[in-house]
């Protein structure tokens, strides 16, 4: 009976340790994603750098706004 309790205690401790490490790895990955930032592109008209997600693209050229995109064409 004592051996069974020791084995059970070891298994529970191992599972707790694995869960703790897994949560720590996820937390670190979230921190790395925050630090990575966004890709930036340069406007062809005014040379301003803007995030790629909010920039306008036309024929492989990047613009900070639709006004600059229309102005360059």
Protein backbone atom coordinates (compact mmCIF):
# COMPACT_ATOMS: atom_id res chain seq x y z
CA UNK A 1 0.00 0.00 0.00
CA UNK A 2 2.86 2.37 0.80
CA UNK A 3 4.48 1.67 -2.56
CA UNK A 4 1.22 2.49 -4.36
CA UNK A 5 0.98 5.84 -2.53
CA UNK A 6 4.57 6.71 -3.40
CA UNK A 7 4.02 5.88 -7.08
CA UNK A 8 0.78 7.89 -7.11
CA UNK A 9 2.53 10.84 -5.46
CA UNK A 10 5.34 10.66 -8.02
CA UNK A 11 2.88 10.57 -10.96
CA UNK A 12 0.86 13.52 -9.61
CA UNK A 13 4.05 15.52 -9.00
CA UNK A 14 5.31 14.75 -12.50
CA UNK A 15 2.00 15.87 -14.05
CA UNK A 16 1.99 19.10 -12.05
CA UNK A 17 5.56 19.83 -13.13
CA UNK A 18 4.76 19.18 -16.83
CA UNK A 19 1.69 21.44 -16.71
CA UNK A 20 3.70 24.19 -15.00
CA UNK A 21 6.44 24.03 -17.66
CA UNK A 22 3.93 23.97 -20.51
CA UNK A 23 2.23 27.11 -19.18
CA UNK A 24 5.61 28.80 -18.85
CA UNK A 25 6.52 27.99 -22.45
CA UNK A 26 3.24 29.43 -23.70
CA UNK A 27 3.81 32.59 -21.69
CA UNK A 28 7.30 32.98 -23.17
CA UNK A 29 5.99 32.49 -26.71
CA UNK A 30 3.38 35.20 -26.15
CA UNK A 31 6.11 37.57 -24.94
CA UNK A 32 8.25 36.81 -28.00
CA UNK A 33 5.32 37.54 -30.31
CA UNK A 34 4.81 40.92 -28.63
CA UNK A 35 8.47 41.84 -29.01
CA UNK A 36 8.62 40.75 -32.64
CA UNK A 37 6.45 43.67 -33.82
CA UNK A 38 5.01 44.22 -37.27
CA UNK A 39 6.52 44.38 -40.72
CA UNK A 40 6.91 47.97 -41.89
CA UNK A 41 6.79 49.28 -45.46
CA UNK A 42 7.82 52.64 -46.87
CA UNK A 43 5.39 54.90 -48.71
CA UNK A 44 6.58 55.54 -52.26
CA UNK A 45 5.40 59.19 -52.19
CA UNK A 46 6.30 60.58 -48.75
CA UNK A 47 8.81 57.89 -47.58
CA UNK A 48 6.90 57.41 -44.32
CA UNK A 49 7.17 53.96 -42.75
CA UNK A 50 3.81 52.41 -41.89
CA UNK A 51 2.76 48.92 -40.72
CA UNK A 52 2.11 46.60 -43.64
CA UNK A 53 -1.39 45.83 -42.28
CA UNK A 54 -2.52 49.46 -42.63
CA UNK A 55 -0.65 50.32 -45.85
CA UNK A 56 -2.12 50.37 -49.37
CA UNK A 57 -0.46 48.23 -52.03
CA UNK A 58 -0.73 48.70 -55.79
CA UNK A 59 1.37 46.85 -58.38
CA UNK A 60 3.92 45.84 -55.77
CA UNK A 61 4.37 49.42 -54.51
CA UNK A 62 3.39 50.50 -51.00
CA UNK A 63 1.63 53.70 -49.93
CA UNK A 64 0.64 55.15 -46.58
CA UNK A 65 -2.83 56.17 -47.81
CA UNK A 66 -5.16 55.84 -50.77
CA UNK A 67 -4.56 59.50 -51.54
CA UNK A 68 -0.83 58.88 -52.07
CA UNK A 69 -1.61 55.74 -54.07
CA UNK A 70 -3.86 57.77 -56.41
CA UNK A 71 -1.36 60.63 -56.54
CA UNK A 72 1.47 58.35 -57.73
CA UNK A 73 -0.58 56.74 -60.53
